[in-house]
Amino acid sequence: MAEERDGKRQPEDKVRQHTVRITRDRFIVSDGEKKEVYVARYQVDPGKDPVRIRLTSEVPPSKGQTVQGLIEKEGETVRLVYALPGGEAPTEFRTKQKQLMFILRARGR
């Protein structure tokens, strides 16, 4: 996994502490202690290119907040970039201020 925030790649030791799971309808980020720090229900609009995604947080302190983003899957890699609260919706798979991107690779099942 790789992570980029506000236009900067995040340190590998910090990224290793996170686990990201994408289920049929939820996006879940856990910390190094396996505590869920961000859980959001998502909806995608596959009719757009790149595919648009809308995430609505289900846990405090951001519960109920909705953010916009982009998502794509190529082989075993998923890229997800989205605006943090107060940021503008991304238009490419790069981050600007108040945006976050995860690059995820599937693990063995």
PDB file of N, CA and C in Angstrom:
ATOM      1  N   MET A   1       0.853  -1.175   0.000  1.00  0.00           N
ATOM      2  CA  MET A   1       0.000   0.000   0.000  1.00  0.00           C
ATOM      3  C   MET A   1       0.895   1.233   0.000  1.00  0.00           C
ATOM      4  N   ALA A   2       0.430   2.251  -0.682  1.00  0.00           N
ATOM      5  CA  ALA A   2       1.091   3.549  -0.667  1.00  0.00           C
ATOM      6  C   ALA A   2       0.024   4.597  -0.372  1.00  0.00           C
ATOM      7  N   GLU A   3       0.471   5.717   0.174  1.00  0.00           N
ATOM      8  CA  GLU A   3      -0.465   6.779   0.537  1.00  0.00           C
ATOM      9  C   GLU A   3       0.149   8.129   0.172  1.00  0.00           C
ATOM     10  N   GLU A   4      -0.695   8.999  -0.365  1.00  0.00           N
ATOM     11  CA  GLU A   4      -0.282  10.364  -0.693  1.00  0.00           C
ATOM     12  C   GLU A   4      -1.308  11.306  -0.096  1.00  0.00           C
ATOM     13  N   ARG A   5      -0.820  12.390   0.499  1.00  0.00           N
ATOM     14  CA  ARG A   5      -1.721  13.364   1.130  1.00  0.00           C
ATOM     15  C   ARG A   5      -1.191  14.768   0.851  1.00  0.00           C
ATOM     16  N   ASP A   6      -2.082  15.660   0.452  1.00  0.00           N
ATOM     17  CA  ASP A   6      -1.714  17.056   0.198  1.00  0.00           C
ATOM     18  C   ASP A   6      -0.539  17.181  -0.772  1.00  0.00           C
ATOM     19  N   GLY A   7      -0.472  16.282  -1.765  1.00  0.00           N
ATOM     20  CA  GLY A   7       0.579  16.331  -2.773  1.00  0.00           C
ATOM     21  C   GLY A   7       1.883  15.687  -2.368  1.00  0.00           C
ATOM     22  N   LYS A   8       1.934  15.056  -1.194  1.00  0.00           N
ATOM     23  CA  LYS A   8       3.175  14.448  -0.714  1.00  0.00           C
ATOM     24  C   LYS A   8       2.973  12.977  -0.375  1.00  0.00           C
ATOM     25  N   ARG A   9       3.893  12.163  -0.841  1.00  0.00           N
ATOM     26  CA  ARG A   9       3.872  10.745  -0.489  1.00  0.00           C
ATOM     27  C   ARG A   9       4.134  10.611   1.012  1.00  0.00           C
ATOM     28  N   GLN A  10       3.366   9.765   1.670  1.00  0.00           N
ATOM     29  CA  GLN A  10       3.502   9.582   3.106  1.00  0.00           C
ATOM     30  C   GLN A  10       4.618   8.583   3.407  1.00  0.00           C
ATOM     31  N   PRO A  11       5.304   8.761   4.554  1.00  0.00           N
ATOM     32  CA  PRO A  11       6.402   7.862   4.911  1.00  0.00           C
ATOM     33  C   PRO A  11       5.926   6.411   5.010  1.00  0.00           C
ATOM     34  N   GLU A  12       6.773   5.516   4.515  1.00  0.00           N
ATOM     35  CA  GLU A  12       6.407   4.099   4.475  1.00  0.00           C
ATOM     36  C   GLU A  12       6.103   3.536   5.861  1.00  0.00           C
ATOM     37  N   ASP A  13       6.832   3.967   6.896  1.00  0.00           N
ATOM     38  CA  ASP A  13       6.571   3.435   8.238  1.00  0.00           C
ATOM     39  C   ASP A  13       5.189   3.840   8.736  1.00  0.00           C
ATOM     40  N   LYS A  14       4.714   5.016   8.362  1.00  0.00           N
ATOM     41  CA  LYS A  14       3.362   5.446   8.735  1.00  0.00           C
ATOM     42  C   LYS A  14       2.313   4.643   7.969  1.00  0.00           C
ATOM     43  N   VAL A  15       2.553   4.446   6.678  1.00  0.00           N
ATOM     44  CA  VAL A  15       1.600   3.733   5.819  1.00  0.00           C
ATOM     45  C   VAL A  15       1.445   2.286   6.274  1.00  0.00           C
ATOM     46  N   ARG A  16       2.545   1.659   6.679  1.00  0.00           N
ATOM     47  CA  ARG A  16       2.493   0.255   7.115  1.00  0.00           C
ATOM     48  C   ARG A  16       1.568   0.054   8.309  1.00  0.00           C
ATOM     49  N   GLN A  17       1.314   1.118   9.058  1.00  0.00           N
ATOM     50  CA  GLN A  17       0.453   1.006  10.233  1.00  0.00           C
ATOM     51  C   GLN A  17      -1.026   0.913   9.864  1.00  0.00           C
ATOM     52  N   HIS A  18      -1.386   1.257   8.636  1.00  0.00           N
ATOM     53  CA  HIS A  18      -2.781   1.254   8.207  1.00  0.00           C
ATOM     54  C   HIS A  18      -3.131  -0.007   7.434  1.00  0.00           C
ATOM     55  N   THR A  19      -4.361  -0.414   7.598  1.00  0.00           N
ATOM     56  CA  THR A  19      -4.940  -1.487   6.800  1.00  0.00           C
ATOM     57  C   THR A  19      -6.197  -0.908   6.164  1.00  0.00           C
ATOM     58  N   VAL A  20      -6.371  -1.149   4.875  1.00  0.00           N
ATOM     59  CA  VAL A  20      -7.554  -0.659   4.175  1.00  0.00           C
ATOM     60  C   VAL A  20      -8.298  -1.870   3.615  1.00  0.00           C
ATOM     61  N   ARG A  21      -9.601  -1.908   3.884  1.00  0.00           N
ATOM     62  CA  ARG A  21     -10.459  -2.956   3.321  1.00  0.00           C
ATOM     63  C   ARG A  21     -11.575  -2.283   2.541  1.00  0.00           C
ATOM     64  N   ILE A  22     -11.870  -2.856   1.394  1.00  0.00           N
ATOM     65  CA  ILE A  22     -13.006  -2.382   0.610  1.00  0.00           C
ATOM     66  C   ILE A  22     -13.964  -3.559   0.498  1.00  0.00           C
ATOM     67  N   THR A  23     -15.165  -3.369   1.028  1.00  0.00           N
ATOM     68  CA  THR A  23     -16.187  -4.412   0.944  1.00  0.00           C
ATOM     69  C   THR A  23     -17.178  -4.023  -0.149  1.00  0.00           C
ATOM     70  N   ARG A  24     -18.246  -4.760  -0.251  1.00  0.00           N
ATOM     71  CA  ARG A  24     -19.267  -4.495  -1.264  1.00  0.00           C
ATOM     72  C   ARG A  24     -19.824  -3.079  -1.177  1.00  0.00           C
ATOM     73  N   ASP A  25     -19.891  -2.520   0.051  1.00  0.00           N
ATOM     74  CA  ASP A  25     -20.486  -1.186   0.197  1.00  0.00           C
ATOM     75  C   ASP A  25     -19.777  -0.265   1.188  1.00  0.00           C
ATOM     76  N   ARG A  26     -18.634  -0.705   1.703  1.00  0.00           N
ATOM     77  CA  ARG A  26     -17.917   0.110   2.692  1.00  0.00           C
ATOM     78  C   ARG A  26     -16.424   0.178   2.394  1.00  0.00           C
ATOM     79  N   PHE A  27     -15.830   1.294   2.842  1.00  0.00           N
ATOM     80  CA  PHE A  27     -14.399   1.543   2.762  1.00  0.00           C
ATOM     81  C   PHE A  27     -13.945   1.700   4.208  1.00  0.00           C
ATOM     82  N   ILE A  28     -13.003   0.866   4.671  1.00  0.00           N
ATOM     83  CA  ILE A  28     -12.638   0.810   6.084  1.00  0.00           C
ATOM     84  C   ILE A  28     -11.126   0.962   6.232  1.00  0.00           C
ATOM     85  N   VAL A  29     -10.702   1.953   7.033  1.00  0.00           N
ATOM     86  CA  VAL A  29      -9.284   2.156   7.327  1.00  0.00           C
ATOM     87  C   VAL A  29      -9.079   1.848   8.805  1.00  0.00           C
ATOM     88  N   SER A  30      -8.121   0.964   9.094  1.00  0.00           N
ATOM     89  CA  SER A  30      -7.784   0.612  10.477  1.00  0.00           C
ATOM     90  C   SER A  30      -6.359   1.048  10.770  1.00  0.00           C
ATOM     91  N   ASP A  31      -6.106   1.379  12.044  1.00  0.00           N
ATOM     92  CA  ASP A  31      -4.758   1.781  12.445  1.00  0.00           C
ATOM     93  C   ASP A  31      -3.933   0.556  12.836  1.00  0.00           C
ATOM     94  N   GLY A  32      -2.726   0.789  13.344  1.00  0.00           N
ATOM     95  CA  GLY A  32      -1.823  -0.297  13.712  1.00  0.00           C
ATOM     96  C   GLY A  32      -2.347  -1.191  14.810  1.00  0.00           C
ATOM     97  N   GLU A  33      -3.304  -0.697  15.585  1.00  0.00           N
ATOM     98  CA  GLU A  33      -3.906  -1.491  16.660  1.00  0.00           C
ATOM     99  C   GLU A  33      -5.217  -2.129  16.218  1.00  0.00           C
ATOM    100  N   LYS A  34      -5.458  -2.101  14.915  1.00  0.00           N
ATOM    101  CA  LYS A  34      -6.654  -2.662  14.284  1.00  0.00           C
ATOM    102  C   LYS A  34      -7.945  -1.948  14.679  1.00  0.00           C
ATOM    103  N   LYS A  35      -7.804  -0.718  15.128  1.00  0.00           N
ATOM    104  CA  LYS A  35      -8.972   0.109  15.445  1.00  0.00           C
ATOM    105  C   LYS A  35      -9.430   0.779  14.153  1.00  0.00           C
ATOM    106  N   GLU A  36     -10.723   0.705  13.874  1.00  0.00           N
ATOM    107  CA  GLU A  36     -11.277   1.332  12.673  1.00  0.00           C
ATOM    108  C   GLU A  36     -11.308   2.837  12.883  1.00  0.00           C
ATOM    109  N   VAL A  37     -10.478   3.549  12.130  1.00  0.00           N
ATOM    110  CA  VAL A  37     -10.375   5.000  12.282  1.00  0.00           C
ATOM    111  C   VAL A  37     -11.208   5.752  11.252  1.00  0.00           C
ATOM    112  N   TYR A  38     -11.577   5.079  10.165  1.00  0.00           N
ATOM    113  CA  TYR A  38     -12.449   5.689   9.160  1.00  0.00           C
ATOM    114  C   TYR A  38     -13.264   4.582   8.519  1.00  0.00           C
ATOM    115  N   VAL A  39     -14.562   4.737   8.569  1.00  0.00           N
ATOM    116  CA  VAL A  39     -15.480   3.798   7.921  1.00  0.00           C
ATOM    117  C   VAL A  39     -16.470   4.633   7.135  1.00  0.00           C
ATOM    118  N   ALA A  40     -16.606   4.326   5.854  1.00  0.00           N
ATOM    119  CA  ALA A  40     -17.526   5.095   5.025  1.00  0.00           C
ATOM    120  C   ALA A  40     -18.301   4.162   4.106  1.00  0.00           C
ATOM    121  N   ARG A  41     -19.562   4.446   3.956  1.00  0.00           N
ATOM    122  CA  ARG A  41     -20.382   3.781   2.948  1.00  0.00           C
ATOM    123  C   ARG A  41     -20.084   4.497   1.639  1.00  0.00           C
ATOM    124  N   TYR A  42     -19.979   3.756   0.543  1.00  0.00           N
ATOM    125  CA  TYR A  42     -19.656   4.417  -0.721  1.00  0.00           C
ATOM    126  C   TYR A  42     -20.629   4.055  -1.823  1.00  0.00           C
ATOM    127  N   GLN A  43     -20.670   4.947  -2.820  1.00  0.00           N
ATOM    128  CA  GLN A  43     -21.437   4.744  -4.046  1.00  0.00           C
ATOM    129  C   GLN A  43     -20.536   5.135  -5.197  1.00  0.00           C
ATOM    130  N   VAL A  44     -20.575   4.362  -6.267  1.00  0.00           N
ATOM    131  CA  VAL A  44     -19.763   4.685  -7.441  1.00  0.00           C
ATOM    132  C   VAL A  44     -20.651   5.037  -8.624  1.00  0.00           C
ATOM    133  N   ASP A  45     -20.113   5.845  -9.517  1.00  0.00           N
ATOM    134  CA  ASP A  45     -20.772   6.197 -10.770  1.00  0.00           C
ATOM    135  C   ASP A  45     -19.875   5.668 -11.882  1.00  0.00           C
ATOM    136  N   PRO A  46     -20.089   4.409 -12.303  1.00  0.00           N
ATOM    137  CA  PRO A  46     -19.218   3.797 -13.308  1.00  0.00           C
ATOM    138  C   PRO A  46     -19.419   4.373 -14.707  1.00  0.00           C
ATOM    139  N   GLY A  47     -20.419   5.219 -14.885  1.00  0.00           N
ATOM    140  CA  GLY A  47     -20.674   5.817 -16.187  1.00  0.00           C
ATOM    141  C   GLY A  47     -19.702   6.943 -16.517  1.00  0.00           C
ATOM    142  N   LYS A  48     -18.875   7.320 -15.581  1.00  0.00           N
ATOM    143  CA  LYS A  48     -17.891   8.386 -15.787  1.00  0.00           C
ATOM    144  C   LYS A  48     -16.512   7.749 -15.975  1.00  0.00           C
ATOM    145  N   ASP A  49     -15.622   8.479 -16.641  1.00  0.00           N
ATOM    146  CA  ASP A  49     -14.255   7.999 -16.814  1.00  0.00           C
ATOM    147  C   ASP A  49     -13.308   9.129 -16.449  1.00  0.00           C
ATOM    148  N   PRO A  50     -12.570   9.033 -15.343  1.00  0.00           N
ATOM    149  CA  PRO A  50     -12.507   7.893 -14.444  1.00  0.00           C
ATOM    150  C   PRO A  50     -13.777   7.767 -13.594  1.00  0.00           C
ATOM    151  N   VAL A  51     -13.937   6.591 -12.995  1.00  0.00           N
ATOM    152  CA  VAL A  51     -15.110   6.284 -12.175  1.00  0.00           C
ATOM    153  C   VAL A  51     -15.132   7.214 -10.961  1.00  0.00           C
ATOM    154  N   ARG A  52     -16.279   7.821 -10.707  1.00  0.00           N
ATOM    155  CA  ARG A  52     -16.466   8.707  -9.547  1.00  0.00           C
ATOM    156  C   ARG A  52     -16.943   7.873  -8.358  1.00  0.00           C
ATOM    157  N   ILE A  53     -16.536   8.306  -7.169  1.00  0.00           N
ATOM    158  CA  ILE A  53     -16.960   7.646  -5.936  1.00  0.00           C
ATOM    159  C   ILE A  53     -17.366   8.720  -4.934  1.00  0.00           C
ATOM    160  N   ARG A  54     -18.399   8.405  -4.162  1.00  0.00           N
ATOM    161  CA  ARG A  54     -18.853   9.292  -3.084  1.00  0.00           C
ATOM    162  C   ARG A  54     -18.811   8.474  -1.804  1.00  0.00           C
ATOM    163  N   LEU A  55     -18.109   8.994  -0.790  1.00  0.00           N
ATOM    164  CA  LEU A  55     -17.965   8.304   0.489  1.00  0.00           C
ATOM    165  C   LEU A  55     -18.668   9.106   1.576  1.00  0.00           C
ATOM    166  N   THR A  56     -19.479   8.430   2.386  1.00  0.00           N
ATOM    167  CA  THR A  56     -20.160   9.076   3.506  1.00  0.00           C
ATOM    168  C   THR A  56     -19.702   8.404   4.789  1.00  0.00           C
ATOM    169  N   SER A  57     -19.042   9.172   5.653  1.00  0.00           N
ATOM    170  CA  SER A  57     -18.462   8.650   6.885  1.00  0.00           C
ATOM    171  C   SER A  57     -19.546   8.124   7.829  1.00  0.00           C
ATOM    172  N   GLU A  58     -19.210   7.021   8.485  1.00  0.00           N
ATOM    173  CA  GLU A  58     -20.143   6.407   9.434  1.00  0.00           C
ATOM    174  C   GLU A  58     -19.658   6.446  10.873  1.00  0.00           C
ATOM    175  N   VAL A  59     -18.488   7.052  11.122  1.00  0.00           N
ATOM    176  CA  VAL A  59     -17.955   7.090  12.481  1.00  0.00           C
ATOM    177  C   VAL A  59     -17.531   8.511  12.850  1.00  0.00           C
ATOM    178  N   PRO A  60     -17.660   8.861  14.152  1.00  0.00           N
ATOM    179  CA  PRO A  60     -17.203  10.169  14.607  1.00  0.00           C
ATOM    180  C   PRO A  60     -15.684  10.286  14.416  1.00  0.00           C
ATOM    181  N   PRO A  61     -15.130  11.451  14.268  1.00  0.00           N
ATOM    182  CA  PRO A  61     -15.788  12.744  14.384  1.00  0.00           C
ATOM    183  C   PRO A  61     -16.403  13.228  13.071  1.00  0.00           C
ATOM    184  N   SER A  62     -16.223  12.471  11.985  1.00  0.00           N
ATOM    185  CA  SER A  62     -16.710  12.944  10.678  1.00  0.00           C
ATOM    186  C   SER A  62     -18.028  12.295  10.261  1.00  0.00           C
ATOM    187  N   LYS A  63     -18.713  11.642  11.190  1.00  0.00           N
ATOM    188  CA  LYS A  63     -19.944  10.931  10.860  1.00  0.00           C
ATOM    189  C   LYS A  63     -20.917  11.826  10.090  1.00  0.00           C
ATOM    190  N   GLY A  64     -21.403  11.295   8.965  1.00  0.00           N
ATOM    191  CA  GLY A  64     -22.364  12.014   8.140  1.00  0.00           C
ATOM    192  C   GLY A  64     -21.737  12.879   7.054  1.00  0.00           C
ATOM    193  N   GLN A  65     -20.438  13.150   7.133  1.00  0.00           N
ATOM    194  CA  GLN A  65     -19.780  13.960   6.109  1.00  0.00           C
ATOM    195  C   GLN A  65     -19.600  13.142   4.831  1.00  0.00           C
ATOM    196  N   THR A  66     -19.857  13.778   3.696  1.00  0.00           N
ATOM    197  CA  THR A  66     -19.711  13.130   2.399  1.00  0.00           C
ATOM    198  C   THR A  66     -18.590  13.813   1.635  1.00  0.00           C
ATOM    199  N   VAL A  67     -17.733  12.989   1.026  1.00  0.00           N
ATOM    200  CA  VAL A  67     -16.641  13.504   0.199  1.00  0.00           C
ATOM    201  C   VAL A  67     -16.697  12.834  -1.169  1.00  0.00           C
ATOM    202  N   GLN A  68     -16.102  13.501  -2.156  1.00  0.00           N
ATOM    203  CA  GLN A  68     -16.100  13.024  -3.549  1.00  0.00           C
ATOM    204  C   GLN A  68     -14.708  12.564  -3.929  1.00  0.00           C
ATOM    205  N   GLY A  69     -14.637  11.607  -4.858  1.00  0.00           N
ATOM    206  CA  GLY A  69     -13.335  11.140  -5.300  1.00  0.00           C
ATOM    207  C   GLY A  69     -13.402  10.377  -6.605  1.00  0.00           C
ATOM    208  N   LEU A  70     -12.280   9.719  -6.906  1.00  0.00           N
ATOM    209  CA  LEU A  70     -12.124   8.890  -8.097  1.00  0.00           C
ATOM    210  C   LEU A  70     -11.579   7.536  -7.665  1.00  0.00           C
ATOM    211  N   ILE A  71     -11.933   6.498  -8.402  1.00  0.00           N
ATOM    212  CA  ILE A  71     -11.425   5.164  -8.096  1.00  0.00           C
ATOM    213  C   ILE A  71     -11.191   4.417  -9.403  1.00  0.00           C
ATOM    214  N   GLU A  72     -10.120   3.604  -9.423  1.00  0.00           N
ATOM    215  CA  GLU A  72      -9.875   2.763 -10.588  1.00  0.00           C
ATOM    216  C   GLU A  72      -9.188   1.484 -10.141  1.00  0.00           C
ATOM    217  N   LYS A  73      -9.449   0.416 -10.889  1.00  0.00           N
ATOM    218  CA  LYS A  73      -8.830  -0.884 -10.627  1.00  0.00           C
ATOM    219  C   LYS A  73      -8.140  -1.336 -11.899  1.00  0.00           C
ATOM    220  N   GLU A  74      -6.871  -1.674 -11.760  1.00  0.00           N
ATOM    221  CA  GLU A  74      -6.092  -2.246 -12.855  1.00  0.00           C
ATOM    222  C   GLU A  74      -5.437  -3.503 -12.324  1.00  0.00           C
ATOM    223  N   GLY A  75      -5.876  -4.649 -12.788  1.00  0.00           N
ATOM    224  CA  GLY A  75      -5.334  -5.911 -12.273  1.00  0.00           C
ATOM    225  C   GLY A  75      -5.613  -6.038 -10.791  1.00  0.00           C
ATOM    226  N   GLU A  76      -4.553  -6.211 -10.008  1.00  0.00           N
ATOM    227  CA  GLU A  76      -4.689  -6.365  -8.558  1.00  0.00           C
ATOM    228  C   GLU A  76      -4.464  -5.038  -7.808  1.00  0.00           C
ATOM    229  N   THR A  77      -4.411  -3.926  -8.526  1.00  0.00           N
ATOM    230  CA  THR A  77      -4.154  -2.626  -7.906  1.00  0.00           C
ATOM    231  C   THR A  77      -5.391  -1.725  -7.999  1.00  0.00           C
ATOM    232  N   VAL A  78      -5.712  -1.095  -6.880  1.00  0.00           N
ATOM    233  CA  VAL A  78      -6.818  -0.134  -6.816  1.00  0.00           C
ATOM    234  C   VAL A  78      -6.227   1.210  -6.386  1.00  0.00           C
ATOM    235  N   ARG A  79      -6.580   2.251  -7.131  1.00  0.00           N
ATOM    236  CA  ARG A  79      -6.215   3.618  -6.734  1.00  0.00           C
ATOM    237  C   ARG A  79      -7.500   4.345  -6.357  1.00  0.00           C
ATOM    238  N   LEU A  80      -7.462   4.982  -5.194  1.00  0.00           N
ATOM    239  CA  LEU A  80      -8.600   5.746  -4.692  1.00  0.00           C
ATOM    240  C   LEU A  80      -8.088   7.093  -4.213  1.00  0.00           C
ATOM    241  N   VAL A  81      -8.596   8.163  -4.783  1.00  0.00           N
ATOM    242  CA  VAL A  81      -8.242   9.511  -4.347  1.00  0.00           C
ATOM    243  C   VAL A  81      -9.542  10.234  -4.026  1.00  0.00           C
ATOM    244  N   TYR A  82      -9.543  10.959  -2.905  1.00  0.00           N
ATOM    245  CA  TYR A  82     -10.765  11.684  -2.538  1.00  0.00           C
ATOM    246  C   TYR A  82     -10.424  12.940  -1.770  1.00  0.00           C
ATOM    247  N   ALA A  83     -11.372  13.861  -1.772  1.00  0.00           N
ATOM    248  CA  ALA A  83     -11.216  15.119  -1.051  1.00  0.00           C
ATOM    249  C   ALA A  83     -11.443  14.876   0.429  1.00  0.00           C
ATOM    250  N   LEU A  84     -10.627  15.487   1.245  1.00  0.00           N
ATOM    251  CA  LEU A  84     -10.882  15.512   2.672  1.00  0.00           C
ATOM    252  C   LEU A  84     -11.890  16.633   2.925  1.00  0.00           C
ATOM    253  N   PRO A  85     -12.561  16.646   4.084  1.00  0.00           N
ATOM    254  CA  PRO A  85     -13.526  17.718   4.336  1.00  0.00           C
ATOM    255  C   PRO A  85     -12.900  19.097   4.087  1.00  0.00           C
ATOM    256  N   GLY A  86     -13.611  19.904   3.305  1.00  0.00           N
ATOM    257  CA  GLY A  86     -13.138  21.240   2.968  1.00  0.00           C
ATOM    258  C   GLY A  86     -12.282  21.300   1.715  1.00  0.00           C
ATOM    259  N   GLY A  87     -11.939  20.138   1.155  1.00  0.00           N
ATOM    260  CA  GLY A  87     -11.130  20.100  -0.061  1.00  0.00           C
ATOM    261  C   GLY A  87     -11.996  19.961  -1.293  1.00  0.00           C
ATOM    262  N   GLU A  88     -11.425  20.288  -2.454  1.00  0.00           N
ATOM    263  CA  GLU A  88     -12.185  20.150  -3.689  1.00  0.00           C
ATOM    264  C   GLU A  88     -12.046  18.738  -4.231  1.00  0.00           C
ATOM    265  N   ALA A  89     -13.073  18.282  -4.931  1.00  0.00           N
ATOM    266  CA  ALA A  89     -13.077  16.936  -5.505  1.00  0.00           C
ATOM    267  C   ALA A  89     -11.914  16.796  -6.481  1.00  0.00           C
ATOM    268  N   PRO A  90     -11.162  15.691  -6.403  1.00  0.00           N
ATOM    269  CA  PRO A  90     -10.037  15.510  -7.312  1.00  0.00           C
ATOM    270  C   PRO A  90     -10.504  15.267  -8.753  1.00  0.00           C
ATOM    271  N   THR A  91      -9.630  15.646  -9.690  1.00  0.00           N
ATOM    272  CA  THR A  91      -9.907  15.435 -11.116  1.00  0.00           C
ATOM    273  C   THR A  91      -8.891  14.497 -11.745  1.00  0.00           C
ATOM    274  N   GLU A  92      -7.890  14.078 -10.950  1.00  0.00           N
ATOM    275  CA  GLU A  92      -6.852  13.175 -11.432  1.00  0.00           C
ATOM    276  C   GLU A  92      -6.328  12.357 -10.255  1.00  0.00           C
ATOM    277  N   PHE A  93      -5.524  11.358 -10.551  1.00  0.00           N
ATOM    278  CA  PHE A  93      -4.976  10.498  -9.505  1.00  0.00           C
ATOM    279  C   PHE A  93      -3.667  11.071  -8.976  1.00  0.00           C
ATOM    280  N   ARG A  94      -3.766  12.282  -8.446  1.00  0.00           N
ATOM    281  CA  ARG A  94      -2.716  13.015  -7.739  1.00  0.00           C
ATOM    282  C   ARG A  94      -3.424  13.830  -6.685  1.00  0.00           C
ATOM    283  N   THR A  95      -2.755  14.075  -5.580  1.00  0.00           N
ATOM    284  CA  THR A  95      -3.408  14.865  -4.545  1.00  0.00           C
ATOM    285  C   THR A  95      -2.956  16.309  -4.565  1.00  0.00           C
ATOM    286  N   LYS A  96      -3.897  17.151  -4.142  1.00  0.00           N
ATOM    287  CA  LYS A  96      -3.643  18.565  -3.888  1.00  0.00           C
ATOM    288  C   LYS A  96      -3.950  18.778  -2.410  1.00  0.00           C
ATOM    289  N   GLN A  97      -3.993  20.033  -1.990  1.00  0.00           N
ATOM    290  CA  GLN A  97      -4.342  20.327  -0.600  1.00  0.00           C
ATOM    291  C   GLN A  97      -5.690  19.697  -0.250  1.00  0.00           C
ATOM    292  N   LYS A  98      -5.763  19.119   0.934  1.00  0.00           N
ATOM    293  CA  LYS A  98      -6.976  18.501   1.474  1.00  0.00           C
ATOM    294  C   LYS A  98      -7.496  17.371   0.587  1.00  0.00           C
ATOM    295  N   GLN A  99      -6.572  16.570   0.066  1.00  0.00           N
ATOM    296  CA  GLN A  99      -6.930  15.361  -0.671  1.00  0.00           C
ATOM    297  C   GLN A  99      -6.045  14.225  -0.183  1.00  0.00           C
ATOM    298  N   LEU A 100      -6.573  13.009  -0.280  1.00  0.00           N
ATOM    299  CA  LEU A 100      -5.871  11.809   0.171  1.00  0.00           C
ATOM    300  C   LEU A 100      -6.003  10.737  -0.899  1.00  0.00           C
ATOM    301  N   MET A 101      -4.913   9.999  -1.147  1.00  0.00           N
ATOM    302  CA  MET A 101      -4.955   8.911  -2.120  1.00  0.00           C
ATOM    303  C   MET A 101      -4.312   7.665  -1.524  1.00  0.00           C
ATOM    304  N   PHE A 102      -4.972   6.537  -1.767  1.00  0.00           N
ATOM    305  CA  PHE A 102      -4.434   5.230  -1.413  1.00  0.00           C
ATOM    306  C   PHE A 102      -4.181   4.463  -2.699  1.00  0.00           C
ATOM    307  N   ILE A 103      -3.059   3.760  -2.744  1.00  0.00           N
ATOM    308  CA  ILE A 103      -2.777   2.819  -3.823  1.00  0.00           C
ATOM    309  C   ILE A 103      -2.687   1.460  -3.136  1.00  0.00           C
ATOM    310  N   LEU A 104      -3.646   0.606  -3.445  1.00  0.00           N
ATOM    311  CA  LEU A 104      -3.801  -0.668  -2.746  1.00  0.00           C
ATOM    312  C   LEU A 104      -3.520  -1.830  -3.690  1.00  0.00           C
ATOM    313  N   ARG A 105      -2.878  -2.851  -3.140  1.00  0.00           N
ATOM    314  CA  ARG A 105      -2.650  -4.079  -3.899  1.00  0.00           C
ATOM    315  C   ARG A 105      -3.285  -5.219  -3.132  1.00  0.00           C
ATOM    316  N   ALA A 106      -3.998  -6.070  -3.843  1.00  0.00           N
ATOM    317  CA  ALA A 106      -4.695  -7.187  -3.197  1.00  0.00           C
ATOM    318  C   ALA A 106      -3.697  -8.118  -2.533  1.00  0.00           C
ATOM    319  N   ARG A 107      -4.061  -8.589  -1.354  1.00  0.00           N
ATOM    320  CA  ARG A 107      -3.257  -9.599  -0.656  1.00  0.00           C
ATOM    321  C   ARG A 107      -3.851 -10.951  -0.965  1.00  0.00           C
ATOM    322  N   GLY A 108      -3.065 -11.982  -0.726  1.00  0.00           N
ATOM    323  CA  GLY A 108      -3.570 -13.343  -0.919  1.00  0.00           C
ATOM    324  C   GLY A 108      -4.838 -13.586  -0.139  1.00  0.00           C
ATOM    325  N   ARG A 109      -5.750 -14.304  -0.708  1.00  0.00           N
ATOM    326  CA  ARG A 109      -7.053 -14.525  -0.064  1.00  0.00           C
ATOM    327  C   ARG A 109      -7.055 -15.788   0.732  1.00  0.00           C
TER     328      ARG A 109
END
